[in-house]
C-alpha atoms as a PDB file:
ATOM      1  CA  MET A   1      29.036 -52.717  69.822  1.00  0.00           C
ATOM      2  CA  GLY A   2      32.470 -51.103  70.085  1.00  0.00           C
ATOM      3  CA  GLN A   3      34.052 -48.633  67.732  1.00  0.00           C
ATOM      4  CA  PHE A   4      35.054 -49.839  64.262  1.00  0.00           C
ATOM      5  CA  THR A   5      38.397 -48.824  62.742  1.00  0.00           C
ATOM      6  CA  HIS A   6      39.374 -49.162  59.082  1.00  0.00           C
ATOM      7  CA  LEU A   7      42.670 -51.054  58.982  1.00  0.00           C
ATOM      8  CA  HIS A   8      43.078 -51.682  55.236  1.00  0.00           C
ATOM      9  CA  VAL A   9      43.169 -48.328  53.456  1.00  0.00           C
ATOM     10  CA  HIS A  10      44.870 -47.174  50.257  1.00  0.00           C
ATOM     11  CA  THR A  11      45.573 -43.536  49.430  1.00  0.00           C
ATOM     12  CA  GLN A  12      46.791 -41.888  46.253  1.00  0.00           C
ATOM     13  CA  TYR A  13      50.231 -43.202  47.217  1.00  0.00           C
ATOM     14  CA  SER A  14      49.109 -46.667  46.123  1.00  0.00           C
ATOM     15  CA  ILE A  15      50.287 -45.573  42.710  1.00  0.00           C
ATOM     16  CA  LEU A  16      47.710 -45.983  39.907  1.00  0.00           C
ATOM     17  CA  ASP A  17      45.568 -48.104  42.236  1.00  0.00           C
ATOM     18  CA  GLY A  18      44.437 -45.806  45.039  1.00  0.00           C
ATOM     19  CA  ALA A  19      42.150 -42.879  44.244  1.00  0.00           C
ATOM     20  CA  ALA A  20      41.651 -41.540  47.773  1.00  0.00           C
ATOM     21  CA  SER A  21      43.298 -38.340  48.955  1.00  0.00           C
ATOM     22  CA  ILE A  22      44.661 -38.351  52.480  1.00  0.00           C
ATOM     23  CA  LYS A  23      42.756 -35.228  53.490  1.00  0.00           C
ATOM     24  CA  GLY A  24      39.567 -36.602  51.971  1.00  0.00           C
ATOM     25  CA  LEU A  25      39.859 -39.898  53.833  1.00  0.00           C
ATOM     26  CA  ILE A  26      40.459 -38.208  57.160  1.00  0.00           C
ATOM     27  CA  LYS A  27      37.604 -35.781  56.597  1.00  0.00           C
ATOM     28  CA  LYS A  28      35.256 -38.682  55.837  1.00  0.00           C
ATOM     29  CA  ALA A  29      36.414 -40.666  58.858  1.00  0.00           C
ATOM     30  CA  LYS A  30      35.800 -37.625  61.044  1.00  0.00           C
ATOM     31  CA  GLU A  31      32.313 -37.189  59.577  1.00  0.00           C
ATOM     32  CA  PHE A  32      31.615 -40.814  60.542  1.00  0.00           C
ATOM     33  CA  GLY A  33      32.764 -40.123  64.095  1.00  0.00           C
ATOM     34  CA  MET A  34      35.675 -42.547  63.782  1.00  0.00           C
ATOM     35  CA  GLU A  35      38.460 -42.138  66.300  1.00  0.00           C
ATOM     36  CA  ALA A  36      41.269 -43.798  64.337  1.00  0.00           C
ATOM     37  CA  LEU A  37      42.226 -44.655  60.752  1.00  0.00           C
ATOM     38  CA  ALA A  38      45.001 -46.678  59.140  1.00  0.00           C
ATOM     39  CA  ILE A  39      47.075 -46.122  56.028  1.00  0.00           C
ATOM     40  CA  THR A  40      48.254 -49.312  54.291  1.00  0.00           C
ATOM     41  CA  ASP A  41      49.423 -48.386  50.819  1.00  0.00           C
ATOM     42  CA  HIS A  42      50.654 -50.988  48.359  1.00  0.00           C
ATOM     43  CA  GLY A  43      54.339 -51.728  48.806  1.00  0.00           C
ATOM     44  CA  ASN A  44      55.382 -48.347  50.186  1.00  0.00           C
ATOM     45  CA  MET A  45      55.109 -45.866  53.050  1.00  0.00           C
ATOM     46  CA  PHE A  46      55.394 -42.713  50.933  1.00  0.00           C
ATOM     47  CA  GLY A  47      52.264 -41.112  52.408  1.00  0.00           C
ATOM     48  CA  ASP A  48      52.752 -41.997  56.067  1.00  0.00           C
ATOM     49  CA  LEU A  49      54.195 -38.674  57.259  1.00  0.00           C
ATOM     50  CA  GLU A  50      51.548 -36.630  55.435  1.00  0.00           C
ATOM     51  CA  PHE A  51      48.862 -38.957  56.791  1.00  0.00           C
ATOM     52  CA  TYR A  52      50.212 -38.765  60.353  1.00  0.00           C
ATOM     53  CA  ASN A  53      50.285 -34.968  60.387  1.00  0.00           C
ATOM     54  CA  ALA A  54      46.849 -34.593  58.781  1.00  0.00           C
ATOM     55  CA  ALA A  55      45.234 -37.134  61.126  1.00  0.00           C
ATOM     56  CA  GLN A  56      46.774 -35.589  64.230  1.00  0.00           C
ATOM     57  CA  LYS A  57      45.537 -32.173  63.160  1.00  0.00           C
ATOM     58  CA  GLU A  58      41.971 -33.463  62.905  1.00  0.00           C
ATOM     59  CA  GLY A  59      42.033 -35.466  66.130  1.00  0.00           C
ATOM     60  CA  ILE A  60      42.089 -38.840  64.375  1.00  0.00           C
ATOM     61  CA  LYS A  61      44.516 -41.431  65.736  1.00  0.00           C
ATOM     62  CA  PRO A  62      46.932 -42.295  62.893  1.00  0.00           C
ATOM     63  CA  ILE A  63      47.702 -45.985  62.388  1.00  0.00           C
ATOM     64  CA  LEU A  64      50.744 -46.310  60.159  1.00  0.00           C
ATOM     65  CA  GLY A  65      51.302 -49.359  58.012  1.00  0.00           C
ATOM     66  CA  CYS A  66      51.604 -50.765  54.528  1.00  0.00           C
ATOM     67  CA  GLU A  67      50.382 -53.653  52.429  1.00  0.00           C
ATOM     68  CA  ALA A  68      53.605 -55.492  51.749  1.00  0.00           C
ATOM     69  CA  TYR A  69      54.347 -57.860  48.888  1.00  0.00           C
ATOM     70  CA  VAL A  70      55.911 -61.072  50.195  1.00  0.00           C
ATOM     71  CA  ALA A  71      57.816 -63.411  47.880  1.00  0.00           C
ATOM     72  CA  ARG A  72      56.943 -67.076  48.420  1.00  0.00           C
ATOM     73  CA  GLY A  73      60.615 -68.011  48.436  1.00  0.00           C
ATOM     74  CA  SER A  74      63.644 -65.761  48.550  1.00  0.00           C
ATOM     75  CA  ARG A  75      63.022 -62.187  47.457  1.00  0.00           C
ATOM     76  CA  PHE A  76      66.179 -62.455  45.367  1.00  0.00           C
ATOM     77  CA  VAL A  77      64.786 -65.223  43.120  1.00  0.00           C
ATOM     78  CA  LYS A  78      63.293 -63.975  39.846  1.00  0.00           C
ATOM     79  CA  ASP A  79      61.966 -66.985  38.011  1.00  0.00           C
ATOM     80  CA  GLY A  80      58.788 -65.686  36.371  1.00  0.00           C
ATOM     81  CA  LYS A  81      56.587 -67.019  39.180  1.00  0.00           C
ATOM     82  CA  ASN A  82      54.704 -65.039  41.842  1.00  0.00           C
ATOM     83  CA  MET A  83      56.292 -61.867  40.496  1.00  0.00           C
ATOM     84  CA  SER A  84      54.320 -59.442  42.641  1.00  0.00           C
ATOM     85  CA  GLY A  85      54.424 -61.528  45.805  1.00  0.00           C
ATOM     86  CA  ASP A  86      51.550 -62.230  48.173  1.00  0.00           C
ATOM     87  CA  HIS A  87      49.840 -59.381  50.023  1.00  0.00           C
ATOM     88  CA  LEU A  88      50.224 -58.897  53.774  1.00  0.00           C
ATOM     89  CA  ILE A  89      49.040 -56.045  55.994  1.00  0.00           C
ATOM     90  CA  LEU A  90      51.708 -54.753  58.385  1.00  0.00           C
ATOM     91  CA  ILE A  91      50.964 -52.087  61.010  1.00  0.00           C
ATOM     92  CA  ALA A  92      53.387 -50.333  63.335  1.00  0.00           C
ATOM     93  CA  LYS A  93      52.325 -51.030  66.926  1.00  0.00           C
ATOM     94  CA  ASN A  94      54.899 -48.701  68.439  1.00  0.00           C
ATOM     95  CA  LEU A  95      58.022 -46.718  67.561  1.00  0.00           C
ATOM     96  CA  LYS A  96      60.140 -49.867  67.267  1.00  0.00           C
ATOM     97  CA  GLY A  97      57.576 -51.321  64.893  1.00  0.00           C
ATOM     98  CA  TYR A  98      57.599 -48.141  62.830  1.00  0.00           C
ATOM     99  CA  HIS A  99      61.386 -48.311  62.519  1.00  0.00           C
ATOM    100  CA  ASN A 100      61.118 -51.950  61.460  1.00  0.00           C
ATOM    101  CA  LEU A 101      58.453 -51.097  58.886  1.00  0.00           C
ATOM    102  CA  ILE A 102      60.653 -48.366  57.441  1.00  0.00           C
ATOM    103  CA  LYS A 103      63.506 -50.859  57.178  1.00  0.00           C
ATOM    104  CA  LEU A 104      61.312 -53.472  55.502  1.00  0.00           C
ATOM    105  CA  SER A 105      59.889 -50.931  53.082  1.00  0.00           C
ATOM    106  CA  SER A 106      63.313 -49.593  52.178  1.00  0.00           C
ATOM    107  CA  LEU A 107      64.814 -53.054  51.637  1.00  0.00           C
ATOM    108  CA  SER A 108      61.840 -54.067  49.492  1.00  0.00           C
ATOM    109  CA  PHE A 109      63.058 -51.606  46.853  1.00  0.00           C
ATOM    110  CA  ASP A 110      66.490 -53.239  46.636  1.00  0.00           C
ATOM    111  CA  PRO A 111      67.058 -53.726  42.873  1.00  0.00           C
ATOM    112  CA  ASN A 112      67.968 -57.346  43.561  1.00  0.00           C
ATOM    113  CA  ALA A 113      64.575 -57.926  45.227  1.00  0.00           C
ATOM    114  CA  PHE A 114      62.280 -55.638  43.207  1.00  0.00           C
ATOM    115  CA  TYR A 115      60.362 -57.770  40.714  1.00  0.00           C
ATOM    116  CA  ARG A 116      57.514 -55.849  39.133  1.00  0.00           C
ATOM    117  CA  THR A 117      56.807 -54.593  42.629  1.00  0.00           C
ATOM    118  CA  SER A 118      58.800 -53.941  45.789  1.00  0.00           C
ATOM    119  CA  ARG A 119      59.190 -57.228  47.668  1.00  0.00           C
ATOM    120  CA  ILE A 120      60.210 -58.671  50.987  1.00  0.00           C
ATOM    121  CA  ASP A 121      60.283 -62.312  52.049  1.00  0.00           C
ATOM    122  CA  LYS A 122      59.415 -64.178  55.235  1.00  0.00           C
ATOM    123  CA  ASP A 123      63.002 -64.336  56.436  1.00  0.00           C
ATOM    124  CA  LEU A 124      63.352 -60.562  56.257  1.00  0.00           C
ATOM    125  CA  LEU A 125      59.926 -59.987  57.785  1.00  0.00           C
ATOM    126  CA  PHE A 126      60.490 -62.351  60.693  1.00  0.00           C
ATOM    127  CA  GLU A 127      63.894 -60.787  61.350  1.00  0.00           C
ATOM    128  CA  HIS A 128      62.241 -57.366  61.711  1.00  0.00           C
ATOM    129  CA  SER A 129      58.889 -58.386  63.215  1.00  0.00           C
ATOM    130  CA  GLU A 130      59.219 -56.695  66.600  1.00  0.00           C
ATOM    131  CA  GLY A 131      56.551 -54.071  67.205  1.00  0.00           C
ATOM    132  CA  ILE A 132      54.531 -55.023  64.125  1.00  0.00           C
ATOM    133  CA  ILE A 133      50.884 -56.096  63.948  1.00  0.00           C
ATOM    134  CA  CYS A 134      50.240 -58.429  61.015  1.00  0.00           C
ATOM    135  CA  SER A 135      47.009 -59.441  59.283  1.00  0.00           C
ATOM    136  CA  SER A 136      46.399 -61.848  56.442  1.00  0.00           C
ATOM    137  CA  ALA A 137      45.209 -59.229  53.903  1.00  0.00           C
ATOM    138  CA  CYS A 138      42.789 -59.561  50.986  1.00  0.00           C
ATOM    139  CA  LEU A 139      42.319 -62.342  48.427  1.00  0.00           C
ATOM    140  CA  GLY A 140      45.854 -61.522  47.305  1.00  0.00           C
ATOM    141  CA  GLY A 141      47.180 -62.862  50.615  1.00  0.00           C
ATOM    142  CA  ILE A 142      48.856 -66.246  50.769  1.00  0.00           C
ATOM    143  CA  ILE A 143      46.222 -67.846  53.020  1.00  0.00           C
ATOM    144  CA  PRO A 144      43.202 -66.998  50.804  1.00  0.00           C
ATOM    145  CA  GLN A 145      45.311 -68.051  47.815  1.00  0.00           C
ATOM    146  CA  MET A 146      45.984 -71.454  49.377  1.00  0.00           C
ATOM    147  CA  ILE A 147      42.297 -71.856  50.225  1.00  0.00           C
ATOM    148  CA  LEU A 148      41.306 -71.032  46.643  1.00  0.00           C
ATOM    149  CA  ALA A 149      43.883 -73.572  45.446  1.00  0.00           C
ATOM    150  CA  ASN A 150      42.275 -76.134  47.774  1.00  0.00           C
ATOM    151  CA  ASN A 151      45.533 -76.456  49.693  1.00  0.00           C
ATOM    152  CA  ILE A 152      44.169 -76.217  53.234  1.00  0.00           C
ATOM    153  CA  PRO A 153      47.167 -77.978  54.848  1.00  0.00           C
ATOM    154  CA  GLU A 154      49.494 -75.266  53.509  1.00  0.00           C
ATOM    155  CA  ALA A 155      47.126 -72.529  54.710  1.00  0.00           C
ATOM    156  CA  GLU A 156      47.155 -74.102  58.178  1.00  0.00           C
ATOM    157  CA  LYS A 157      50.946 -74.338  58.165  1.00  0.00           C
ATOM    158  CA  ILE A 158      51.271 -70.646  57.284  1.00  0.00           C
ATOM    159  CA  ILE A 159      48.807 -69.559  59.971  1.00  0.00           C
ATOM    160  CA  GLN A 160      50.777 -71.474  62.600  1.00  0.00           C
ATOM    161  CA  GLU A 161      54.055 -70.043  61.326  1.00  0.00           C
ATOM    162  CA  TYR A 162      52.856 -66.448  61.477  1.00  0.00           C
ATOM    163  CA  LYS A 163      51.188 -66.923  64.855  1.00  0.00           C
ATOM    164  CA  GLU A 164      54.433 -68.267  66.270  1.00  0.00           C
ATOM    165  CA  VAL A 165      56.234 -65.083  65.176  1.00  0.00           C
ATOM    166  CA  PHE A 166      53.580 -62.429  65.858  1.00  0.00           C
ATOM    167  CA  GLY A 167      51.606 -64.105  68.651  1.00  0.00           C
ATOM    168  CA  GLU A 168      48.548 -62.087  69.705  1.00  0.00           C
ATOM    169  CA  ASP A 169      49.469 -59.466  67.100  1.00  0.00           C
ATOM    170  CA  TYR A 170      48.526 -61.779  64.229  1.00  0.00           C
ATOM    171  CA  TYR A 171      44.988 -61.553  62.821  1.00  0.00           C
ATOM    172  CA  ILE A 172      42.941 -63.208  60.080  1.00  0.00           C
ATOM    173  CA  GLU A 173      41.282 -60.647  57.821  1.00  0.00           C
ATOM    174  CA  LEU A 174      37.762 -60.973  56.390  1.00  0.00           C
ATOM    175  CA  GLN A 175      36.470 -58.912  53.474  1.00  0.00           C
ATOM    176  CA  ASP A 176      33.151 -58.848  51.659  1.00  0.00           C
ATOM    177  CA  HIS A 177      32.847 -56.804  48.491  1.00  0.00           C
ATOM    178  CA  GLY A 178      30.372 -59.273  47.074  1.00  0.00           C
ATOM    179  CA  THR A 179      32.727 -61.488  45.067  1.00  0.00           C
ATOM    180  CA  GLU A 180      32.271 -65.242  44.837  1.00  0.00           C
ATOM    181  CA  ASP A 181      35.840 -65.898  45.953  1.00  0.00           C
ATOM    182  CA  GLN A 182      35.419 -63.790  49.099  1.00  0.00           C
ATOM    183  CA  LEU A 183      32.181 -65.584  49.960  1.00  0.00           C
ATOM    184  CA  TYR A 184      33.918 -68.928  49.405  1.00  0.00           C
ATOM    185  CA  VAL A 185      36.979 -68.284  51.572  1.00  0.00           C
ATOM    186  CA  LYS A 186      35.158 -66.469  54.395  1.00  0.00           C
ATOM    187  CA  PRO A 187      33.784 -69.495  56.321  1.00  0.00           C
ATOM    188  CA  ILE A 188      37.040 -71.386  55.830  1.00  0.00           C
ATOM    189  CA  LEU A 189      39.066 -68.447  57.165  1.00  0.00           C
ATOM    190  CA  ILE A 190      36.796 -68.298  60.218  1.00  0.00           C
ATOM    191  CA  LYS A 191      37.119 -72.049  60.777  1.00  0.00           C
ATOM    192  CA  LEU A 192      40.920 -71.935  60.542  1.00  0.00           C
ATOM    193  CA  ALA A 193      41.125 -68.865  62.776  1.00  0.00           C
ATOM    194  CA  ASN A 194      39.054 -70.611  65.440  1.00  0.00           C
ATOM    195  CA  LYS A 195      41.094 -73.798  65.126  1.00  0.00           C
ATOM    196  CA  TYR A 196      44.381 -72.017  65.782  1.00  0.00           C
ATOM    197  CA  GLY A 197      43.172 -69.369  68.211  1.00  0.00           C
ATOM    198  CA  VAL A 198      43.725 -66.409  65.889  1.00  0.00           C
ATOM    199  CA  LYS A 199      41.373 -63.438  66.139  1.00  0.00           C
ATOM    200  CA  ILE A 200      39.519 -62.218  63.071  1.00  0.00           C
ATOM    201  CA  ILE A 201      39.028 -58.656  61.866  1.00  0.00           C
ATOM    202  CA  ALA A 202      36.647 -57.159  59.321  1.00  0.00           C
ATOM    203  CA  THR A 203      38.185 -54.841  56.758  1.00  0.00           C
ATOM    204  CA  ASN A 204      37.107 -53.092  53.599  1.00  0.00           C
ATOM    205  CA  ASP A 205      39.802 -52.863  50.945  1.00  0.00           C
ATOM    206  CA  VAL A 206      39.463 -49.083  50.617  1.00  0.00           C
ATOM    207  CA  HIS A 207      40.712 -47.634  47.326  1.00  0.00           C
ATOM    208  CA  PHE A 208      38.446 -44.577  47.034  1.00  0.00           C
ATOM    209  CA  ILE A 209      36.448 -42.459  49.430  1.00  0.00           C
ATOM    210  CA  ASN A 210      32.845 -42.502  48.230  1.00  0.00           C
ATOM    211  CA  ALA A 211      30.858 -45.084  46.276  1.00  0.00           C
ATOM    212  CA  SER A 212      30.369 -42.425  43.581  1.00  0.00           C
ATOM    213  CA  ASP A 213      34.152 -42.374  42.999  1.00  0.00           C
ATOM    214  CA  PHE A 214      34.103 -45.849  41.447  1.00  0.00           C
ATOM    215  CA  ASP A 215      34.097 -44.665  37.819  1.00  0.00           C
ATOM    216  CA  ALA A 216      37.096 -42.412  38.415  1.00  0.00           C
ATOM    217  CA  HIS A 217      38.885 -45.342  40.030  1.00  0.00           C
ATOM    218  CA  ARG A 218      38.105 -47.544  37.021  1.00  0.00           C
ATOM    219  CA  ILE A 219      39.840 -44.998  34.798  1.00  0.00           C
ATOM    220  CA  LEU A 220      42.873 -45.122  37.101  1.00  0.00           C
ATOM    221  CA  ILE A 221      42.983 -48.916  36.860  1.00  0.00           C
ATOM    222  CA  CYS A 222      42.823 -48.720  33.056  1.00  0.00           C
ATOM    223  CA  LEU A 223      45.828 -46.390  33.119  1.00  0.00           C
ATOM    224  CA  ASN A 224      47.582 -48.884  35.372  1.00  0.00           C
ATOM    225  CA  THR A 225      46.864 -51.911  33.171  1.00  0.00           C
ATOM    226  CA  GLY A 226      46.913 -50.290  29.740  1.00  0.00           C
ATOM    227  CA  LYS A 227      43.316 -51.354  29.086  1.00  0.00           C
ATOM    228  CA  LYS A 228      40.271 -49.528  27.746  1.00  0.00           C
ATOM    229  CA  LEU A 229      37.176 -49.006  29.888  1.00  0.00           C
ATOM    230  CA  SER A 230      35.384 -51.523  27.675  1.00  0.00           C
ATOM    231  CA  GLU A 231      38.012 -54.192  28.367  1.00  0.00           C
ATOM    232  CA  ASP A 232      38.438 -56.464  31.367  1.00  0.00           C
ATOM    233  CA  THR A 233      41.460 -55.985  33.607  1.00  0.00           C
ATOM    234  CA  LYS A 234      43.158 -58.453  35.938  1.00  0.00           C
ATOM    235  CA  LEU A 235      42.506 -56.047  38.804  1.00  0.00           C
ATOM    236  CA  VAL A 236      38.892 -56.739  39.771  1.00  0.00           C
ATOM    237  CA  TYR A 237      36.843 -54.203  41.734  1.00  0.00           C
ATOM    238  CA  THR A 238      33.112 -54.258  42.461  1.00  0.00           C
ATOM    239  CA  GLY A 239      32.499 -50.659  43.489  1.00  0.00           C
ATOM    240  CA  GLN A 240      32.348 -51.606  47.171  1.00  0.00           C
ATOM    241  CA  GLU A 241      35.943 -50.561  47.884  1.00  0.00           C
ATOM    242  CA  TYR A 242      35.078 -47.228  49.481  1.00  0.00           C
ATOM    243  CA  LEU A 243      35.357 -45.912  53.043  1.00  0.00           C
ATOM    244  CA  LYS A 244      32.258 -47.424  54.588  1.00  0.00           C
ATOM    245  CA  SER A 245      30.592 -46.263  57.782  1.00  0.00           C
ATOM    246  CA  GLN A 246      30.584 -48.379  60.911  1.00  0.00           C
ATOM    247  CA  LYS A 247      26.917 -49.148  60.313  1.00  0.00           C
ATOM    248  CA  GLU A 248      27.662 -50.461  56.822  1.00  0.00           C
ATOM    249  CA  MET A 249      30.460 -52.665  58.147  1.00  0.00           C
ATOM    250  CA  GLU A 250      28.287 -53.959  60.992  1.00  0.00           C
ATOM    251  CA  GLU A 251      25.584 -54.906  58.490  1.00  0.00           C
ATOM    252  CA  LEU A 252      28.113 -56.744  56.311  1.00  0.00           C
ATOM    253  CA  PHE A 253      29.485 -58.712  59.243  1.00  0.00           C
ATOM    254  CA  TYR A 254      26.332 -58.969  61.370  1.00  0.00           C
ATOM    255  CA  ASP A 255      26.980 -62.682  61.916  1.00  0.00           C
ATOM    256  CA  ILE A 256      30.538 -62.129  63.243  1.00  0.00           C
ATOM    257  CA  PRO A 257      30.361 -59.087  65.554  1.00  0.00           C
ATOM    258  CA  GLU A 258      33.791 -59.844  67.013  1.00  0.00           C
ATOM    259  CA  ALA A 259      35.320 -59.074  63.617  1.00  0.00           C
ATOM    260  CA  ILE A 260      34.165 -55.490  64.130  1.00  0.00           C
ATOM    261  CA  THR A 261      35.166 -55.134  67.783  1.00  0.00           C
ATOM    262  CA  ASN A 262      38.596 -56.665  67.185  1.00  0.00           C
ATOM    263  CA  THR A 263      39.478 -53.731  64.940  1.00  0.00           C
ATOM    264  CA  GLN A 264      39.165 -51.531  68.022  1.00  0.00           C
ATOM    265  CA  GLU A 265      41.507 -53.881  69.861  1.00  0.00           C
ATOM    266  CA  ILE A 266      44.158 -53.203  67.235  1.00  0.00           C
ATOM    267  CA  ALA A 267      43.524 -49.462  67.305  1.00  0.00           C
ATOM    268  CA  ASP A 268      43.955 -49.526  71.097  1.00  0.00           C
ATOM    269  CA  LYS A 269      47.203 -51.493  70.798  1.00  0.00           C
ATOM    270  CA  VAL A 270      48.801 -48.905  68.542  1.00  0.00           C
ATOM    271  CA  GLU A 271      50.802 -46.326  70.448  1.00  0.00           C
ATOM    272  CA  VAL A 272      50.952 -42.690  69.387  1.00  0.00           C
ATOM    273  CA  TYR A 273      54.592 -41.779  68.778  1.00  0.00           C
ATOM    274  CA  GLU A 274      56.494 -38.970  67.121  1.00  0.00           C
END
């Protein structure tokens, strides 16, 4: 089987949500013998330059991106609904894509668009889509959300819409941290991907480096949500959100080996630029 690349990774720049240091992530990836690693922090690109320099220094190919928040309508509408937007992974394929990502990230902080989080919308994204690789993200993405709402026709419509814009640079993302919702949407995502000729990728929603870091991450989430450790938070983690080895990912997705190999396809697509 080909090389696996982590394409959904949060650092400490995912403020009060990511507990992984950039140097620590790169060190771990190097220990695993990984050749490339992505950074996709929530709603910002604050850590990209630090990540790029640190990865280059260690011989790891840096894949620069972010996990954007996409408003379901106009980013300028603030009506108490979908305040944080739907998640979407965006990766710079080349220098043009990086410039477009910077523009999208900057505009997402426009005070007229910011609504609990930095936000873009589809119109803005599609206007600046050149050079960007896009994947459907975690359960917070619009497609898993539509599946969970039993609105398959809308999920299909969105897949077709994004494929029309991004073409072969659009991917359906599969995750498995052991939650019921992930297990429910997984076969439906695969079915829809096959129906519309969209490739699938396996990702782990990395928020900390080692499995043993879970308790420290829980404390961070409590700070984020204003909850006590004994209380439930709306942000649900299972302890599986760490930087897993290729072997661990292959075991999780043993039945869909192409989801592993397709991550290498994306890593190969990404150009190294300065």
